[in-house]
PDB file of N, CA and C in Angstrom:
ATOM      1  N   MET A   1       0.551  -1.137   0.165  1.00  0.00           N
ATOM      2  CA  MET A   1       0.049   0.110   0.071  1.00  0.00           C
ATOM      3  C   MET A   1       0.940   1.357   0.214  1.00  0.00           C
ATOM      4  N   THR A   2       0.508   1.973  -0.910  1.00  0.00           N
ATOM      5  CA  THR A   2       1.366   3.210  -0.627  1.00  0.00           C
ATOM      6  C   THR A   2       0.477   4.765  -0.524  1.00  0.00           C
ATOM      7  N   VAL A   3       1.123   5.558  -0.160  1.00  0.00           N
ATOM      8  CA  VAL A   3       0.514   6.702   0.191  1.00  0.00           C
ATOM      9  C   VAL A   3       0.824   7.954  -0.731  1.00  0.00           C
ATOM     10  N   GLY A   4      -0.351   8.869  -0.956  1.00  0.00           N
ATOM     11  CA  GLY A   4      -0.187  10.023  -1.971  1.00  0.00           C
ATOM     12  C   GLY A   4      -0.215  11.199  -1.409  1.00  0.00           C
ATOM     13  N   ASN A   5       0.240  12.028  -1.983  1.00  0.00           N
ATOM     14  CA  ASN A   5       0.758  13.067  -1.650  1.00  0.00           C
ATOM     15  C   ASN A   5      -0.194  13.741  -1.438  1.00  0.00           C
ATOM     16  N   ARG A   6      -1.480  13.856  -1.682  1.00  0.00           N
ATOM     17  CA  ARG A   6      -2.841  14.292  -1.859  1.00  0.00           C
ATOM     18  C   ARG A   6      -3.271  13.920  -0.163  1.00  0.00           C
ATOM     19  N   LEU A   7      -3.391  12.573   0.038  1.00  0.00           N
ATOM     20  CA  LEU A   7      -3.650  12.243   1.547  1.00  0.00           C
ATOM     21  C   LEU A   7      -2.946  12.842   2.525  1.00  0.00           C
ATOM     22  N   LEU A   8      -1.658  12.890   2.222  1.00  0.00           N
ATOM     23  CA  LEU A   8      -0.583  13.276   3.260  1.00  0.00           C
ATOM     24  C   LEU A   8      -0.992  14.885   3.266  1.00  0.00           C
ATOM     25  N   LYS A   9      -1.249  15.765   2.332  1.00  0.00           N
ATOM     26  CA  LYS A   9      -1.485  17.074   2.948  1.00  0.00           C
ATOM     27  C   LYS A   9      -2.716  17.371   3.506  1.00  0.00           C
ATOM     28  N   ARG A  10      -4.101  16.486   3.097  1.00  0.00           N
ATOM     29  CA  ARG A  10      -5.002  16.903   3.927  1.00  0.00           C
ATOM     30  C   ARG A  10      -4.734  16.466   5.287  1.00  0.00           C
ATOM     31  N   ILE A  11      -3.828  15.248   5.768  1.00  0.00           N
ATOM     32  CA  ILE A  11      -4.018  14.959   6.891  1.00  0.00           C
ATOM     33  C   ILE A  11      -2.827  15.910   7.512  1.00  0.00           C
ATOM     34  N   ALA A  12      -2.094  16.344   6.835  1.00  0.00           N
ATOM     35  CA  ALA A  12      -1.254  17.619   7.829  1.00  0.00           C
ATOM     36  C   ALA A  12      -2.073  18.782   7.798  1.00  0.00           C
ATOM     37  N   SER A  13      -2.757  19.283   6.860  1.00  0.00           N
ATOM     38  CA  SER A  13      -3.493  20.425   7.060  1.00  0.00           C
ATOM     39  C   SER A  13      -4.730  20.284   8.391  1.00  0.00           C
ATOM     40  N   LEU A  14      -5.048  19.258   8.392  1.00  0.00           N
ATOM     41  CA  LEU A  14      -6.222  18.671   9.345  1.00  0.00           C
ATOM     42  C   LEU A  14      -5.256  19.209  10.995  1.00  0.00           C
ATOM     43  N   VAL A  15      -4.246  18.193  11.068  1.00  0.00           N
ATOM     44  CA  VAL A  15      -3.202  18.381  12.430  1.00  0.00           C
ATOM     45  C   VAL A  15      -2.750  19.600  12.383  1.00  0.00           C
ATOM     46  N   ALA A  16      -2.625  20.519  11.740  1.00  0.00           N
ATOM     47  CA  ALA A  16      -2.211  21.715  12.091  1.00  0.00           C
ATOM     48  C   ALA A  16      -3.474  22.833  12.271  1.00  0.00           C
ATOM     49  N   ASN A  17      -4.459  22.502  12.004  1.00  0.00           N
ATOM     50  CA  ASN A  17      -5.848  23.054  12.185  1.00  0.00           C
ATOM     51  C   ASN A  17      -5.880  22.679  13.920  1.00  0.00           C
ATOM     52  N   ASN A  18      -5.218  21.545  14.374  1.00  0.00           N
ATOM     53  CA  ASN A  18      -5.539  20.844  15.538  1.00  0.00           C
ATOM     54  C   ASN A  18      -6.832  19.854  15.440  1.00  0.00           C
ATOM     55  N   ASP A  19      -7.070  19.450  14.479  1.00  0.00           N
ATOM     56  CA  ASP A  19      -8.387  18.714  14.287  1.00  0.00           C
ATOM     57  C   ASP A  19      -7.743  17.085  14.282  1.00  0.00           C
ATOM     58  N   HIS A  20      -7.195  16.788  15.332  1.00  0.00           N
ATOM     59  CA  HIS A  20      -6.670  15.270  15.444  1.00  0.00           C
ATOM     60  C   HIS A  20      -7.447  14.167  15.304  1.00  0.00           C
ATOM     61  N   GLY A  21      -8.233  14.241  15.652  1.00  0.00           N
ATOM     62  CA  GLY A  21      -9.739  13.569  15.569  1.00  0.00           C
ATOM     63  C   GLY A  21      -9.786  13.012  13.858  1.00  0.00           C
ATOM     64  N   GLU A  22     -10.374  13.868  13.429  1.00  0.00           N
ATOM     65  CA  GLU A  22     -10.759  13.930  12.258  1.00  0.00           C
ATOM     66  C   GLU A  22      -9.355  13.835  11.153  1.00  0.00           C
ATOM     67  N   ALA A  23      -8.125  13.769  11.526  1.00  0.00           N
ATOM     68  CA  ALA A  23      -6.963  13.420  10.647  1.00  0.00           C
ATOM     69  C   ALA A  23      -7.103  11.853  10.757  1.00  0.00           C
ATOM     70  N   ILE A  24      -7.349  11.433  12.210  1.00  0.00           N
ATOM     71  CA  ILE A  24      -7.316   9.720  12.212  1.00  0.00           C
ATOM     72  C   ILE A  24      -8.131   9.401  11.332  1.00  0.00           C
ATOM     73  N   VAL A  25      -9.663   9.903  11.478  1.00  0.00           N
ATOM     74  CA  VAL A  25     -10.707   9.392  10.442  1.00  0.00           C
ATOM     75  C   VAL A  25     -10.327   8.976   9.087  1.00  0.00           C
ATOM     76  N   VAL A  26      -9.355  10.214   8.568  1.00  0.00           N
ATOM     77  CA  VAL A  26      -9.249  10.450   7.342  1.00  0.00           C
ATOM     78  C   VAL A  26      -8.087   9.506   7.081  1.00  0.00           C
ATOM     79  N   GLY A  27      -6.934   8.828   7.732  1.00  0.00           N
ATOM     80  CA  GLY A  27      -6.532   8.040   7.567  1.00  0.00           C
ATOM     81  C   GLY A  27      -6.550   6.376   8.043  1.00  0.00           C
ATOM     82  N   ALA A  28      -7.837   6.515   8.683  1.00  0.00           N
ATOM     83  CA  ALA A  28      -8.114   5.282   9.002  1.00  0.00           C
ATOM     84  C   ALA A  28      -8.898   4.711   7.918  1.00  0.00           C
ATOM     85  N   ARG A  29      -9.719   5.663   7.031  1.00  0.00           N
ATOM     86  CA  ARG A  29     -10.805   5.499   6.006  1.00  0.00           C
ATOM     87  C   ARG A  29      -9.492   5.276   4.736  1.00  0.00           C
ATOM     88  N   ALA A  30      -8.610   5.826   4.379  1.00  0.00           N
ATOM     89  CA  ALA A  30      -8.024   5.544   3.362  1.00  0.00           C
ATOM     90  C   ALA A  30      -6.997   4.245   3.461  1.00  0.00           C
ATOM     91  N   LEU A  31      -6.928   3.760   4.864  1.00  0.00           N
ATOM     92  CA  LEU A  31      -6.343   2.549   4.860  1.00  0.00           C
ATOM     93  C   LEU A  31      -7.666   1.215   4.850  1.00  0.00           C
ATOM     94  N   GLY A  32      -8.864   1.365   4.960  1.00  0.00           N
ATOM     95  CA  GLY A  32      -9.800   0.818   4.983  1.00  0.00           C
ATOM     96  C   GLY A  32     -10.419   0.180   6.095  1.00  0.00           C
ATOM     97  N   LEU A  33     -10.259   1.208   6.899  1.00  0.00           N
ATOM     98  CA  LEU A  33     -10.414   0.321   8.305  1.00  0.00           C
ATOM     99  C   LEU A  33     -11.304   1.374   8.803  1.00  0.00           C
ATOM    100  N   THR A  34     -12.884   1.308   8.038  1.00  0.00           N
ATOM    101  CA  THR A  34     -14.121   1.684   8.101  1.00  0.00           C
ATOM    102  C   THR A  34     -14.443   1.624   9.855  1.00  0.00           C
ATOM    103  N   ASP A  35     -14.539   0.454  10.710  1.00  0.00           N
ATOM    104  CA  ASP A  35     -15.069   0.500  11.499  1.00  0.00           C
ATOM    105  C   ASP A  35     -14.430   1.187  13.065  1.00  0.00           C
ATOM    106  N   LEU A  36     -12.746   1.640  12.521  1.00  0.00           N
ATOM    107  CA  LEU A  36     -12.447   2.246  13.547  1.00  0.00           C
ATOM    108  C   LEU A  36     -12.279   3.842  13.041  1.00  0.00           C
ATOM    109  N   ALA A  37     -12.351   3.787  11.950  1.00  0.00           N
ATOM    110  CA  ALA A  37     -13.480   5.379  11.571  1.00  0.00           C
ATOM    111  C   ALA A  37     -14.079   5.758  11.866  1.00  0.00           C
ATOM    112  N   GLU A  38     -15.306   4.965  12.076  1.00  0.00           N
ATOM    113  CA  GLU A  38     -16.526   5.148  12.710  1.00  0.00           C
ATOM    114  C   GLU A  38     -16.410   5.249  14.457  1.00  0.00           C
ATOM    115  N   ARG A  39     -15.576   4.692  15.030  1.00  0.00           N
ATOM    116  CA  ARG A  39     -15.186   4.579  16.119  1.00  0.00           C
ATOM    117  C   ARG A  39     -14.824   6.379  16.571  1.00  0.00           C
ATOM    118  N   VAL A  40     -13.842   6.542  15.818  1.00  0.00           N
ATOM    119  CA  VAL A  40     -13.063   7.854  16.288  1.00  0.00           C
ATOM    120  C   VAL A  40     -14.144   8.874  15.763  1.00  0.00           C
ATOM    121  N   GLU A  41     -15.010   8.848  14.655  1.00  0.00           N
ATOM    122  CA  GLU A  41     -16.092   9.459  14.533  1.00  0.00           C
ATOM    123  C   GLU A  41     -16.923   9.665  15.755  1.00  0.00           C
ATOM    124  N   ASN A  42     -17.314   8.848  16.609  1.00  0.00           N
ATOM    125  CA  ASN A  42     -18.103   9.115  17.585  1.00  0.00           C
ATOM    126  C   ASN A  42     -17.600   9.472  18.510  1.00  0.00           C
ATOM    127  N   ILE A  43     -16.129   9.174  18.869  1.00  0.00           N
ATOM    128  CA  ILE A  43     -15.731  10.168  20.120  1.00  0.00           C
ATOM    129  C   ILE A  43     -15.295  11.290  19.732  1.00  0.00           C
ATOM    130  N   ASN A  44     -15.276  11.616  17.991  1.00  0.00           N
ATOM    131  CA  ASN A  44     -15.128  13.441  17.774  1.00  0.00           C
ATOM    132  C   ASN A  44     -16.323  13.905  18.293  1.00  0.00           C
ATOM    133  N   ARG A  45     -17.501  13.298  17.940  1.00  0.00           N
ATOM    134  CA  ARG A  45     -18.748  13.840  18.409  1.00  0.00           C
ATOM    135  C   ARG A  45     -18.908  14.254  19.902  1.00  0.00           C
ATOM    136  N   ARG A  46     -18.749  13.273  20.644  1.00  0.00           N
ATOM    137  CA  ARG A  46     -18.510  13.067  22.211  1.00  0.00           C
ATOM    138  C   ARG A  46     -17.771  14.693  22.547  1.00  0.00           C
ATOM    139  N   HIS A  47     -16.641  14.928  21.683  1.00  0.00           N
ATOM    140  CA  HIS A  47     -15.680  15.596  21.995  1.00  0.00           C
ATOM    141  C   HIS A  47     -16.596  17.091  21.988  1.00  0.00           C
ATOM    142  N   ILE A  48     -17.238  17.266  20.726  1.00  0.00           N
ATOM    143  CA  ILE A  48     -17.972  18.687  20.319  1.00  0.00           C
ATOM    144  C   ILE A  48     -18.760  18.796  21.477  1.00  0.00           C
ATOM    145  N   ARG A  49     -19.659  17.826  21.490  1.00  0.00           N
ATOM    146  CA  ARG A  49     -20.780  17.809  22.742  1.00  0.00           C
ATOM    147  C   ARG A  49     -20.206  18.355  23.851  1.00  0.00           C
ATOM    148  N   LEU A  50     -19.341  17.863  24.475  1.00  0.00           N
ATOM    149  CA  LEU A  50     -18.653  18.045  25.947  1.00  0.00           C
ATOM    150  C   LEU A  50     -17.934  19.184  25.648  1.00  0.00           C
ATOM    151  N   GLY A  51     -17.684  19.681  24.680  1.00  0.00           N
ATOM    152  CA  GLY A  51     -16.807  21.101  24.332  1.00  0.00           C
ATOM    153  C   GLY A  51     -15.339  20.742  25.304  1.00  0.00           C
ATOM    154  N   HIS A  52     -15.025  20.154  25.434  1.00  0.00           N
ATOM    155  CA  HIS A  52     -13.718  19.391  25.687  1.00  0.00           C
ATOM    156  C   HIS A  52     -13.525  17.855  25.678  1.00  0.00           C
ATOM    157  N   LEU A  53     -11.781  17.078  25.227  1.00  0.00           N
ATOM    158  CA  LEU A  53     -11.793  16.021  25.420  1.00  0.00           C
ATOM    159  C   LEU A  53     -11.508  15.512  26.756  1.00  0.00           C
ATOM    160  N   PRO A  54     -11.952  14.852  27.629  1.00  0.00           N
ATOM    161  CA  PRO A  54     -11.911  13.954  28.749  1.00  0.00           C
ATOM    162  C   PRO A  54     -10.752  13.141  28.646  1.00  0.00           C
ATOM    163  N   PRO A  55     -10.126  12.916  29.462  1.00  0.00           N
ATOM    164  CA  PRO A  55      -8.841  11.792  29.561  1.00  0.00           C
ATOM    165  C   PRO A  55      -9.608  10.628  29.290  1.00  0.00           C
ATOM    166  N   THR A  56     -10.638  10.190  29.506  1.00  0.00           N
ATOM    167  CA  THR A  56     -11.265   8.548  28.758  1.00  0.00           C
ATOM    168  C   THR A  56     -11.323   9.018  27.043  1.00  0.00           C
ATOM    169  N   LEU A  57     -12.086  10.201  26.762  1.00  0.00           N
ATOM    170  CA  LEU A  57     -12.057  10.020  25.272  1.00  0.00           C
ATOM    171  C   LEU A  57     -10.743  10.234  24.644  1.00  0.00           C
ATOM    172  N   TYR A  58      -9.573  10.975  25.124  1.00  0.00           N
ATOM    173  CA  TYR A  58      -8.103  11.353  24.710  1.00  0.00           C
ATOM    174  C   TYR A  58      -7.760   9.502  25.002  1.00  0.00           C
ATOM    175  N   HIS A  59      -7.927   8.750  25.653  1.00  0.00           N
ATOM    176  CA  HIS A  59      -7.144   7.252  25.741  1.00  0.00           C
ATOM    177  C   HIS A  59      -7.730   6.571  24.429  1.00  0.00           C
ATOM    178  N   ASP A  60      -9.246   6.659  24.276  1.00  0.00           N
ATOM    179  CA  ASP A  60      -9.957   5.706  23.536  1.00  0.00           C
ATOM    180  C   ASP A  60      -9.135   6.261  22.162  1.00  0.00           C
ATOM    181  N   ARG A  61      -9.019   7.892  21.527  1.00  0.00           N
ATOM    182  CA  ARG A  61      -8.599   8.185  20.669  1.00  0.00           C
ATOM    183  C   ARG A  61      -7.307   7.929  20.291  1.00  0.00           C
ATOM    184  N   HIS A  62      -6.339   7.811  21.371  1.00  0.00           N
ATOM    185  CA  HIS A  62      -5.044   7.473  21.030  1.00  0.00           C
ATOM    186  C   HIS A  62      -5.194   6.088  20.761  1.00  0.00           C
ATOM    187  N   SER A  63      -5.758   5.389  21.486  1.00  0.00           N
ATOM    188  CA  SER A  63      -5.859   3.826  21.087  1.00  0.00           C
ATOM    189  C   SER A  63      -6.155   3.817  19.824  1.00  0.00           C
ATOM    190  N   ALA A  64      -7.047   4.337  19.542  1.00  0.00           N
ATOM    191  CA  ALA A  64      -7.606   3.997  18.062  1.00  0.00           C
ATOM    192  C   ALA A  64      -6.560   4.473  17.112  1.00  0.00           C
ATOM    193  N   TYR A  65      -5.726   5.313  17.266  1.00  0.00           N
ATOM    194  CA  TYR A  65      -4.498   6.062  16.642  1.00  0.00           C
ATOM    195  C   TYR A  65      -3.601   4.929  16.594  1.00  0.00           C
ATOM    196  N   ALA A  66      -3.237   4.553  17.849  1.00  0.00           N
ATOM    197  CA  ALA A  66      -2.258   3.356  17.932  1.00  0.00           C
ATOM    198  C   ALA A  66      -2.533   2.104  17.205  1.00  0.00           C
ATOM    199  N   GLU A  67      -3.581   1.617  16.724  1.00  0.00           N
ATOM    200  CA  GLU A  67      -4.360   0.600  16.132  1.00  0.00           C
ATOM    201  C   GLU A  67      -4.418   0.902  14.751  1.00  0.00           C
ATOM    202  N   MET A  68      -4.429   2.067  14.494  1.00  0.00           N
ATOM    203  CA  MET A  68      -4.162   2.656  12.970  1.00  0.00           C
ATOM    204  C   MET A  68      -2.790   2.548  12.743  1.00  0.00           C
ATOM    205  N   MET A  69      -1.920   2.846  13.090  1.00  0.00           N
ATOM    206  CA  MET A  69      -0.646   2.975  12.787  1.00  0.00           C
ATOM    207  C   MET A  69       0.012   1.476  12.986  1.00  0.00           C
ATOM    208  N   ALA A  70      -0.349   0.549  13.892  1.00  0.00           N
ATOM    209  CA  ALA A  70      -0.181  -0.749  13.742  1.00  0.00           C
ATOM    210  C   ALA A  70      -0.287  -1.532  12.483  1.00  0.00           C
ATOM    211  N   PHE A  71      -1.546  -1.003  11.766  1.00  0.00           N
ATOM    212  CA  PHE A  71      -1.830  -1.568  11.043  1.00  0.00           C
ATOM    213  C   PHE A  71      -1.375  -0.699   9.714  1.00  0.00           C
ATOM    214  N   ALA A  72      -0.815   0.070   9.791  1.00  0.00           N
ATOM    215  CA  ALA A  72      -0.182   0.793   8.612  1.00  0.00           C
ATOM    216  C   ALA A  72       1.304   0.386   8.520  1.00  0.00           C
ATOM    217  N   LYS A  73       1.850   0.087   9.480  1.00  0.00           N
ATOM    218  CA  LYS A  73       3.295  -0.333   9.741  1.00  0.00           C
ATOM    219  C   LYS A  73       3.588  -1.776   8.797  1.00  0.00           C
ATOM    220  N   LYS A  74       2.362  -2.355   9.301  1.00  0.00           N
ATOM    221  CA  LYS A  74       2.113  -3.853   8.425  1.00  0.00           C
ATOM    222  C   LYS A  74       1.720  -3.959   6.964  1.00  0.00           C
ATOM    223  N   ALA A  75       0.758  -3.171   6.443  1.00  0.00           N
ATOM    224  CA  ALA A  75       0.664  -2.862   5.530  1.00  0.00           C
ATOM    225  C   ALA A  75       1.346  -2.217   4.466  1.00  0.00           C
ATOM    226  N   MET A  76       2.444  -1.037   4.572  1.00  0.00           N
ATOM    227  CA  MET A  76       3.008  -0.094   4.108  1.00  0.00           C
ATOM    228  C   MET A  76       4.425  -0.741   4.076  1.00  0.00           C
ATOM    229  N   LEU A  77       5.116  -0.118   2.759  1.00  0.00           N
ATOM    230  CA  LEU A  77       6.440  -0.416   2.743  1.00  0.00           C
ATOM    231  C   LEU A  77       7.089   0.684   3.805  1.00  0.00           C
ATOM    232  N   PRO A  78       7.913   0.272   4.329  1.00  0.00           N
ATOM    233  CA  PRO A  78       8.546   1.202   5.553  1.00  0.00           C
ATOM    234  C   PRO A  78       8.589   2.763   5.225  1.00  0.00           C
ATOM    235  N   ALA A  79       9.186   3.142   4.039  1.00  0.00           N
ATOM    236  CA  ALA A  79       9.018   4.895   3.656  1.00  0.00           C
ATOM    237  C   ALA A  79       7.842   5.389   3.244  1.00  0.00           C
ATOM    238  N   ASP A  80       6.830   4.505   2.780  1.00  0.00           N
ATOM    239  CA  ASP A  80       5.524   5.186   2.866  1.00  0.00           C
ATOM    240  C   ASP A  80       4.521   5.009   4.485  1.00  0.00           C
ATOM    241  N   PHE A  81       5.261   4.254   5.016  1.00  0.00           N
ATOM    242  CA  PHE A  81       4.867   4.448   6.848  1.00  0.00           C
ATOM    243  C   PHE A  81       5.333   5.780   7.232  1.00  0.00           C
ATOM    244  N   GLN A  82       6.680   6.211   6.665  1.00  0.00           N
ATOM    245  CA  GLN A  82       7.417   7.090   7.716  1.00  0.00           C
ATOM    246  C   GLN A  82       6.659   8.041   7.463  1.00  0.00           C
ATOM    247  N   ARG A  83       6.603   8.123   5.855  1.00  0.00           N
ATOM    248  CA  ARG A  83       5.779   9.395   5.522  1.00  0.00           C
ATOM    249  C   ARG A  83       4.272   9.640   6.288  1.00  0.00           C
ATOM    250  N   PHE A  84       3.498   8.511   6.211  1.00  0.00           N
ATOM    251  CA  PHE A  84       2.198   8.628   6.567  1.00  0.00           C
ATOM    252  C   PHE A  84       2.367   8.876   8.209  1.00  0.00           C
ATOM    253  N   TYR A  85       3.161   8.247   9.006  1.00  0.00           N
ATOM    254  CA  TYR A  85       3.344   8.445  10.386  1.00  0.00           C
ATOM    255  C   TYR A  85       3.714   9.955  10.655  1.00  0.00           C
ATOM    256  N   GLY A  86       4.839  10.333   9.581  1.00  0.00           N
ATOM    257  CA  GLY A  86       5.226  12.061  10.179  1.00  0.00           C
ATOM    258  C   GLY A  86       4.280  12.942   9.884  1.00  0.00           C
ATOM    259  N   VAL A  87       3.181  12.889   9.280  1.00  0.00           N
ATOM    260  CA  VAL A  87       2.196  13.803   9.066  1.00  0.00           C
ATOM    261  C   VAL A  87       1.500  14.027  10.302  1.00  0.00           C
ATOM    262  N   PHE A  88       1.341  13.008  11.073  1.00  0.00           N
ATOM    263  CA  PHE A  88       0.540  13.341  12.614  1.00  0.00           C
ATOM    264  C   PHE A  88       1.195  13.630  13.638  1.00  0.00           C
TER     265      PHE A  88
END
């Protein structure tokens, strides 16, 4: 699996705008991890509804991020993984 510059730029833009949750959703969808993307979308909705990210939601989001990165590391060539990882 390779990553395109367009995807990387989109993720980098989301991260630069402090939208880490949506960046994970975009990355997960690009990897075909639909269930993980939906899980993070639910976290994002709760985050918006509460107006802050409590520790439990942060932990859940970070766990999803770690799961996505573990999948990406196995699915991508090392150079592609480094580019993908680097934009987050």
